[in-house]
C-alpha atoms as a PDB file:
ATOM      1  CA  MET A   1     -73.810 -26.270  35.399  1.00  0.00           C
ATOM      2  CA  ASN A   2     -75.062 -29.804  34.708  1.00  0.00           C
ATOM      3  CA  LYS A   3     -73.286 -32.444  32.633  1.00  0.00           C
ATOM      4  CA  TYR A   4     -75.337 -31.704  29.508  1.00  0.00           C
ATOM      5  CA  SER A   5     -74.661 -27.966  29.549  1.00  0.00           C
ATOM      6  CA  VAL A   6     -70.967 -28.596  30.156  1.00  0.00           C
ATOM      7  CA  GLY A   7     -70.901 -30.942  27.179  1.00  0.00           C
ATOM      8  CA  GLY A   8     -72.700 -28.373  25.052  1.00  0.00           C
ATOM      9  CA  VAL A   9     -70.180 -25.684  25.903  1.00  0.00           C
ATOM     10  CA  VAL A  10     -67.269 -27.976  25.094  1.00  0.00           C
ATOM     11  CA  LEU A  11     -68.878 -28.994  21.790  1.00  0.00           C
ATOM     12  CA  ALA A  12     -69.263 -25.357  20.854  1.00  0.00           C
ATOM     13  CA  LEU A  13     -65.609 -24.714  21.608  1.00  0.00           C
ATOM     14  CA  ILE A  14     -64.529 -27.735  19.599  1.00  0.00           C
ATOM     15  CA  ALA A  15     -66.480 -26.468  16.607  1.00  0.00           C
ATOM     16  CA  LEU A  16     -64.258 -23.393  16.634  1.00  0.00           C
ATOM     17  CA  ILE A  17     -61.007 -25.333  16.868  1.00  0.00           C
ATOM     18  CA  VAL A  18     -59.336 -27.265  14.094  1.00  0.00           C
ATOM     19  CA  SER A  19     -56.908 -30.019  15.083  1.00  0.00           C
ATOM     20  CA  TRP A  20     -53.260 -29.302  14.409  1.00  0.00           C
ATOM     21  CA  PRO A  21     -53.279 -28.439  10.721  1.00  0.00           C
ATOM     22  CA  ASN A  22     -52.955 -31.520   8.540  1.00  0.00           C
ATOM     23  CA  SER A  23     -52.917 -29.404   5.385  1.00  0.00           C
ATOM     24  CA  SER A  24     -49.345 -28.319   6.200  1.00  0.00           C
ATOM     25  CA  TYR A  25     -48.016 -31.743   5.171  1.00  0.00           C
ATOM     26  CA  PRO A  26     -49.153 -34.412   2.669  1.00  0.00           C
ATOM     27  CA  ILE A  27     -51.547 -37.100   3.871  1.00  0.00           C
ATOM     28  CA  ILE A  28     -50.759 -40.625   2.662  1.00  0.00           C
ATOM     29  CA  ASN A  29     -53.616 -42.590   1.035  1.00  0.00           C
ATOM     30  CA  LYS A  30     -56.127 -39.779   1.464  1.00  0.00           C
ATOM     31  CA  ASP A  31     -57.850 -41.018  -1.716  1.00  0.00           C
ATOM     32  CA  SER A  32     -57.892 -44.687  -0.737  1.00  0.00           C
ATOM     33  CA  ILE A  33     -60.063 -46.857  -2.975  1.00  0.00           C
ATOM     34  CA  ASN A  34     -61.013 -49.040  -0.004  1.00  0.00           C
ATOM     35  CA  LYS A  35     -64.207 -48.072   1.792  1.00  0.00           C
ATOM     36  CA  ASN A  36     -64.075 -49.656   5.237  1.00  0.00           C
ATOM     37  CA  ILE A  37     -63.447 -47.416   8.246  1.00  0.00           C
ATOM     38  CA  ILE A  38     -61.940 -49.167  11.264  1.00  0.00           C
ATOM     39  CA  ALA A  39     -61.520 -47.749  14.763  1.00  0.00           C
ATOM     40  CA  PHE A  40     -58.552 -49.608  16.242  1.00  0.00           C
ATOM     41  CA  GLY A  41     -57.596 -49.265  19.867  1.00  0.00           C
ATOM     42  CA  ASP A  42     -58.162 -50.213  23.473  1.00  0.00           C
ATOM     43  CA  SER A  43     -60.936 -49.531  26.011  1.00  0.00           C
ATOM     44  CA  TRP A  44     -61.429 -45.954  24.790  1.00  0.00           C
ATOM     45  CA  THR A  45     -62.322 -47.385  21.398  1.00  0.00           C
ATOM     46  CA  GLN A  46     -64.257 -50.370  22.683  1.00  0.00           C
ATOM     47  CA  GLY A  47     -66.321 -47.926  24.725  1.00  0.00           C
ATOM     48  CA  VAL A  48     -65.752 -48.882  28.349  1.00  0.00           C
ATOM     49  CA  GLY A  49     -67.859 -46.501  30.425  1.00  0.00           C
ATOM     50  CA  ALA A  50     -70.477 -45.924  27.715  1.00  0.00           C
ATOM     51  CA  THR A  51     -74.000 -47.245  27.567  1.00  0.00           C
ATOM     52  CA  ASN A  52     -75.053 -49.415  24.631  1.00  0.00           C
ATOM     53  CA  GLU A  53     -74.298 -47.838  21.222  1.00  0.00           C
ATOM     54  CA  ASN A  54     -72.656 -44.799  22.796  1.00  0.00           C
ATOM     55  CA  ASP A  55     -69.045 -45.794  22.228  1.00  0.00           C
ATOM     56  CA  TYR A  56     -67.245 -43.206  20.111  1.00  0.00           C
ATOM     57  CA  PRO A  57     -67.160 -45.310  16.887  1.00  0.00           C
ATOM     58  CA  ALA A  58     -70.951 -45.741  17.030  1.00  0.00           C
ATOM     59  CA  ILE A  59     -71.505 -42.030  17.633  1.00  0.00           C
ATOM     60  CA  LEU A  60     -69.008 -41.115  14.907  1.00  0.00           C
ATOM     61  CA  SER A  61     -70.754 -43.472  12.509  1.00  0.00           C
ATOM     62  CA  SER A  62     -73.987 -41.527  12.979  1.00  0.00           C
ATOM     63  CA  LYS A  63     -72.225 -38.203  12.537  1.00  0.00           C
ATOM     64  CA  ILE A  64     -70.573 -39.085   9.234  1.00  0.00           C
ATOM     65  CA  ASN A  65     -73.250 -41.487   7.963  1.00  0.00           C
ATOM     66  CA  ARG A  66     -70.689 -44.254   7.389  1.00  0.00           C
ATOM     67  CA  GLU A  67     -70.377 -47.689   8.979  1.00  0.00           C
ATOM     68  CA  ILE A  68     -67.391 -47.978  11.305  1.00  0.00           C
ATOM     69  CA  ILE A  69     -65.921 -51.288  12.457  1.00  0.00           C
ATOM     70  CA  ASN A  70     -65.128 -51.131  16.172  1.00  0.00           C
ATOM     71  CA  ALA A  71     -61.872 -53.040  16.675  1.00  0.00           C
ATOM     72  CA  GLY A  72     -61.227 -51.853  20.211  1.00  0.00           C
ATOM     73  CA  VAL A  73     -60.110 -54.348  22.865  1.00  0.00           C
ATOM     74  CA  SER A  74     -60.023 -53.213  26.471  1.00  0.00           C
ATOM     75  CA  GLY A  75     -56.622 -53.473  28.115  1.00  0.00           C
ATOM     76  CA  ASN A  76     -54.627 -53.694  24.899  1.00  0.00           C
ATOM     77  CA  THR A  77     -51.110 -52.355  24.866  1.00  0.00           C
ATOM     78  CA  THR A  78     -49.496 -51.305  21.604  1.00  0.00           C
ATOM     79  CA  THR A  79     -47.688 -54.668  21.566  1.00  0.00           C
ATOM     80  CA  GLN A  80     -50.947 -56.609  21.906  1.00  0.00           C
ATOM     81  CA  ALA A  81     -52.627 -54.453  19.291  1.00  0.00           C
ATOM     82  CA  LEU A  82     -49.761 -55.008  16.890  1.00  0.00           C
ATOM     83  CA  ALA A  83     -50.199 -58.764  17.308  1.00  0.00           C
ATOM     84  CA  ARG A  84     -53.835 -58.609  16.158  1.00  0.00           C
ATOM     85  CA  LEU A  85     -53.400 -55.928  13.512  1.00  0.00           C
ATOM     86  CA  GLU A  86     -53.382 -58.376  10.599  1.00  0.00           C
ATOM     87  CA  GLU A  87     -56.652 -60.114  11.494  1.00  0.00           C
ATOM     88  CA  ASP A  88     -58.603 -57.191  12.914  1.00  0.00           C
ATOM     89  CA  VAL A  89     -57.507 -54.459  10.495  1.00  0.00           C
ATOM     90  CA  LEU A  90     -55.426 -55.441   7.489  1.00  0.00           C
ATOM     91  CA  GLU A  91     -57.658 -58.340   6.455  1.00  0.00           C
ATOM     92  CA  GLN A  92     -60.725 -56.050   6.519  1.00  0.00           C
ATOM     93  CA  GLU A  93     -59.706 -54.017   3.433  1.00  0.00           C
ATOM     94  CA  PRO A  94     -59.418 -50.752   5.371  1.00  0.00           C
ATOM     95  CA  GLY A  95     -59.729 -47.384   3.688  1.00  0.00           C
ATOM     96  CA  ILE A  96     -59.405 -45.338   6.872  1.00  0.00           C
ATOM     97  CA  VAL A  97     -58.024 -46.547  10.198  1.00  0.00           C
ATOM     98  CA  ILE A  98     -58.462 -44.464  13.352  1.00  0.00           C
ATOM     99  CA  LEU A  99     -55.603 -45.420  15.667  1.00  0.00           C
ATOM    100  CA  LEU A 100     -55.937 -44.655  19.379  1.00  0.00           C
ATOM    101  CA  LEU A 101     -53.499 -46.574  21.578  1.00  0.00           C
ATOM    102  CA  GLY A 102     -50.888 -46.075  24.271  1.00  0.00           C
ATOM    103  CA  GLY A 103     -52.732 -45.565  27.540  1.00  0.00           C
ATOM    104  CA  ASN A 104     -52.215 -49.141  28.680  1.00  0.00           C
ATOM    105  CA  ASP A 105     -48.522 -48.927  27.854  1.00  0.00           C
ATOM    106  CA  ILE A 106     -48.329 -46.252  30.549  1.00  0.00           C
ATOM    107  CA  ARG A 107     -50.247 -48.390  33.026  1.00  0.00           C
ATOM    108  CA  ARG A 108     -48.036 -51.418  32.377  1.00  0.00           C
ATOM    109  CA  LYS A 109     -44.845 -49.342  32.352  1.00  0.00           C
ATOM    110  CA  ILE A 110     -43.846 -50.247  28.819  1.00  0.00           C
ATOM    111  CA  LYS A 111     -40.926 -48.145  27.663  1.00  0.00           C
ATOM    112  CA  PHE A 112     -41.978 -45.045  25.778  1.00  0.00           C
ATOM    113  CA  ASP A 113     -39.627 -45.715  22.858  1.00  0.00           C
ATOM    114  CA  LYS A 114     -41.109 -49.209  22.471  1.00  0.00           C
ATOM    115  CA  SER A 115     -44.624 -47.787  22.378  1.00  0.00           C
ATOM    116  CA  ILE A 116     -43.722 -45.287  19.673  1.00  0.00           C
ATOM    117  CA  SER A 117     -41.891 -47.987  17.705  1.00  0.00           C
ATOM    118  CA  ASN A 118     -45.013 -50.186  17.829  1.00  0.00           C
ATOM    119  CA  VAL A 119     -47.247 -47.349  16.658  1.00  0.00           C
ATOM    120  CA  ARG A 120     -44.813 -46.505  13.862  1.00  0.00           C
ATOM    121  CA  LEU A 121     -44.871 -50.120  12.666  1.00  0.00           C
ATOM    122  CA  MET A 122     -48.670 -50.253  12.776  1.00  0.00           C
ATOM    123  CA  VAL A 123     -48.937 -47.055  10.755  1.00  0.00           C
ATOM    124  CA  SER A 124     -46.498 -48.414   8.183  1.00  0.00           C
ATOM    125  CA  LYS A 125     -48.370 -51.705   7.824  1.00  0.00           C
ATOM    126  CA  ILE A 126     -51.743 -49.956   7.521  1.00  0.00           C
ATOM    127  CA  GLN A 127     -50.460 -47.527   4.907  1.00  0.00           C
ATOM    128  CA  SER A 128     -48.927 -50.384   2.930  1.00  0.00           C
ATOM    129  CA  GLU A 129     -52.461 -51.760   2.534  1.00  0.00           C
ATOM    130  CA  GLY A 130     -53.557 -48.486   0.942  1.00  0.00           C
ATOM    131  CA  ALA A 131     -55.380 -47.045   3.950  1.00  0.00           C
ATOM    132  CA  MET A 132     -55.233 -43.552   5.426  1.00  0.00           C
ATOM    133  CA  VAL A 133     -54.340 -43.384   9.124  1.00  0.00           C
ATOM    134  CA  VAL A 134     -55.948 -41.018  11.611  1.00  0.00           C
ATOM    135  CA  LEU A 135     -53.544 -40.933  14.549  1.00  0.00           C
ATOM    136  CA  VAL A 136     -55.191 -39.785  17.765  1.00  0.00           C
ATOM    137  CA  GLY A 137     -53.047 -38.072  20.394  1.00  0.00           C
ATOM    138  CA  PHE A 138     -53.716 -37.906  24.115  1.00  0.00           C
ATOM    139  CA  LYS A 139     -52.375 -36.354  27.284  1.00  0.00           C
ATOM    140  CA  LEU A 140     -52.753 -37.728  30.782  1.00  0.00           C
ATOM    141  CA  PRO A 141     -51.422 -36.205  34.010  1.00  0.00           C
ATOM    142  CA  LEU A 142     -47.629 -36.668  34.079  1.00  0.00           C
ATOM    143  CA  PHE A 143     -47.741 -38.260  30.606  1.00  0.00           C
ATOM    144  CA  SER A 144     -47.961 -35.465  28.056  1.00  0.00           C
ATOM    145  CA  LYS A 145     -45.184 -36.637  25.744  1.00  0.00           C
ATOM    146  CA  TYR A 146     -47.344 -39.129  23.838  1.00  0.00           C
ATOM    147  CA  ASN A 147     -49.342 -36.342  22.222  1.00  0.00           C
ATOM    148  CA  ALA A 148     -46.272 -34.501  20.915  1.00  0.00           C
ATOM    149  CA  ALA A 149     -44.618 -37.730  19.776  1.00  0.00           C
ATOM    150  CA  TYR A 150     -47.759 -38.779  17.888  1.00  0.00           C
ATOM    151  CA  TYR A 151     -47.910 -35.401  16.200  1.00  0.00           C
ATOM    152  CA  ASP A 152     -44.293 -35.717  15.095  1.00  0.00           C
ATOM    153  CA  LEU A 153     -45.014 -39.226  13.845  1.00  0.00           C
ATOM    154  CA  ALA A 154     -48.121 -38.051  11.986  1.00  0.00           C
ATOM    155  CA  ARG A 155     -46.142 -35.347  10.199  1.00  0.00           C
ATOM    156  CA  GLU A 156     -43.328 -37.728   9.355  1.00  0.00           C
ATOM    157  CA  MET A 157     -45.565 -40.514   8.030  1.00  0.00           C
ATOM    158  CA  GLY A 158     -48.423 -38.492   6.559  1.00  0.00           C
ATOM    159  CA  CYS A 159     -51.247 -39.292   8.988  1.00  0.00           C
ATOM    160  CA  VAL A 160     -54.227 -37.140   9.866  1.00  0.00           C
ATOM    161  CA  PHE A 161     -53.649 -36.024  13.457  1.00  0.00           C
ATOM    162  CA  VAL A 162     -56.234 -35.468  16.190  1.00  0.00           C
ATOM    163  CA  ASP A 163     -54.770 -33.370  18.979  1.00  0.00           C
ATOM    164  CA  ASN A 164     -55.197 -34.572  22.595  1.00  0.00           C
ATOM    165  CA  ILE A 165     -58.509 -36.425  22.455  1.00  0.00           C
ATOM    166  CA  MET A 166     -58.912 -36.063  26.247  1.00  0.00           C
ATOM    167  CA  SER A 167     -58.690 -32.261  26.245  1.00  0.00           C
ATOM    168  CA  GLY A 168     -61.670 -30.804  28.106  1.00  0.00           C
ATOM    169  CA  ILE A 169     -62.823 -34.280  29.138  1.00  0.00           C
ATOM    170  CA  PHE A 170     -60.340 -35.839  31.562  1.00  0.00           C
ATOM    171  CA  SER A 171     -60.521 -32.962  34.010  1.00  0.00           C
ATOM    172  CA  GLU A 172     -64.325 -32.691  33.864  1.00  0.00           C
ATOM    173  CA  SER A 173     -65.944 -35.263  36.158  1.00  0.00           C
ATOM    174  CA  SER A 174     -69.357 -34.843  34.507  1.00  0.00           C
ATOM    175  CA  LEU A 175     -67.864 -36.249  31.283  1.00  0.00           C
ATOM    176  CA  MET A 176     -66.145 -39.252  32.893  1.00  0.00           C
ATOM    177  CA  SER A 177     -67.561 -42.614  33.984  1.00  0.00           C
ATOM    178  CA  ASP A 178     -64.529 -43.349  36.181  1.00  0.00           C
ATOM    179  CA  ARG A 179     -60.982 -42.044  36.617  1.00  0.00           C
ATOM    180  CA  VAL A 180     -59.915 -43.222  33.158  1.00  0.00           C
ATOM    181  CA  HIS A 181     -62.910 -43.667  30.862  1.00  0.00           C
ATOM    182  CA  PRO A 182     -65.370 -41.111  29.471  1.00  0.00           C
ATOM    183  CA  ASN A 183     -69.123 -41.522  29.780  1.00  0.00           C
ATOM    184  CA  ASP A 184     -71.623 -41.116  26.935  1.00  0.00           C
ATOM    185  CA  GLN A 185     -71.146 -37.339  26.833  1.00  0.00           C
ATOM    186  CA  GLY A 186     -67.361 -37.716  26.905  1.00  0.00           C
ATOM    187  CA  TYR A 187     -67.397 -40.156  24.005  1.00  0.00           C
ATOM    188  CA  GLU A 188     -69.647 -37.739  22.135  1.00  0.00           C
ATOM    189  CA  LEU A 189     -66.774 -35.265  22.317  1.00  0.00           C
ATOM    190  CA  PHE A 190     -64.330 -37.920  21.105  1.00  0.00           C
ATOM    191  CA  ALA A 191     -66.553 -38.465  18.078  1.00  0.00           C
ATOM    192  CA  GLU A 192     -66.934 -34.738  17.444  1.00  0.00           C
ATOM    193  CA  LYS A 193     -63.191 -34.131  17.450  1.00  0.00           C
ATOM    194  CA  ILE A 194     -62.503 -37.026  15.107  1.00  0.00           C
ATOM    195  CA  SER A 195     -65.346 -36.078  12.761  1.00  0.00           C
ATOM    196  CA  ILE A 196     -63.844 -32.598  12.382  1.00  0.00           C
ATOM    197  CA  ALA A 197     -60.467 -34.122  11.486  1.00  0.00           C
ATOM    198  CA  LEU A 198     -62.070 -36.553   9.031  1.00  0.00           C
ATOM    199  CA  LYS A 199     -64.413 -34.126   7.318  1.00  0.00           C
ATOM    200  CA  GLU A 200     -62.306 -33.224   4.292  1.00  0.00           C
ATOM    201  CA  TYR A 201     -61.271 -36.818   3.618  1.00  0.00           C
ATOM    202  CA  LEU A 202     -64.693 -38.463   3.445  1.00  0.00           C
ATOM    203  CA  LYS A 203     -66.100 -39.201   0.018  1.00  0.00           C
END
């Protein structure tokens, strides 16, 4: 099976799966009056491993027919992202912020509790500006607890949750550009999963 047929099969499966149900708890700022959509994160958001215009925010933009600001910076930890949150997100009048961070905290051995505390603070600051947060979970080998912790945080703080963005991608070499980053087809699946989670909240 080639990389395109594998991607097609995974896309079909995704279409049948809804992320962990957000309707079971209230979503904060789901009717935000601000219009800007910002993808905030690290190399997965910036699009390392993708060809030009095939990062997930660009693909997602085409899927939902809305401009998306790509505020991904490769290598960012949650601490570094928190430091640039004001300039790169809060000053941009966000209506929706897609938050995907934490992988570099693992690589740099930042304490798990510190990572979650940073994400919690970012969510709080974003929500205080009237924006809805889409919190994206992930699992990596030996590091599955981030996904569950992000889900708990999403429920507690009223974020839309995207379950394990790397599911069906990380273990499939035809969807990866290297050991860590998806390729164009992998980022297509990122965008598909997030578009499903966003669908009911787009005006």
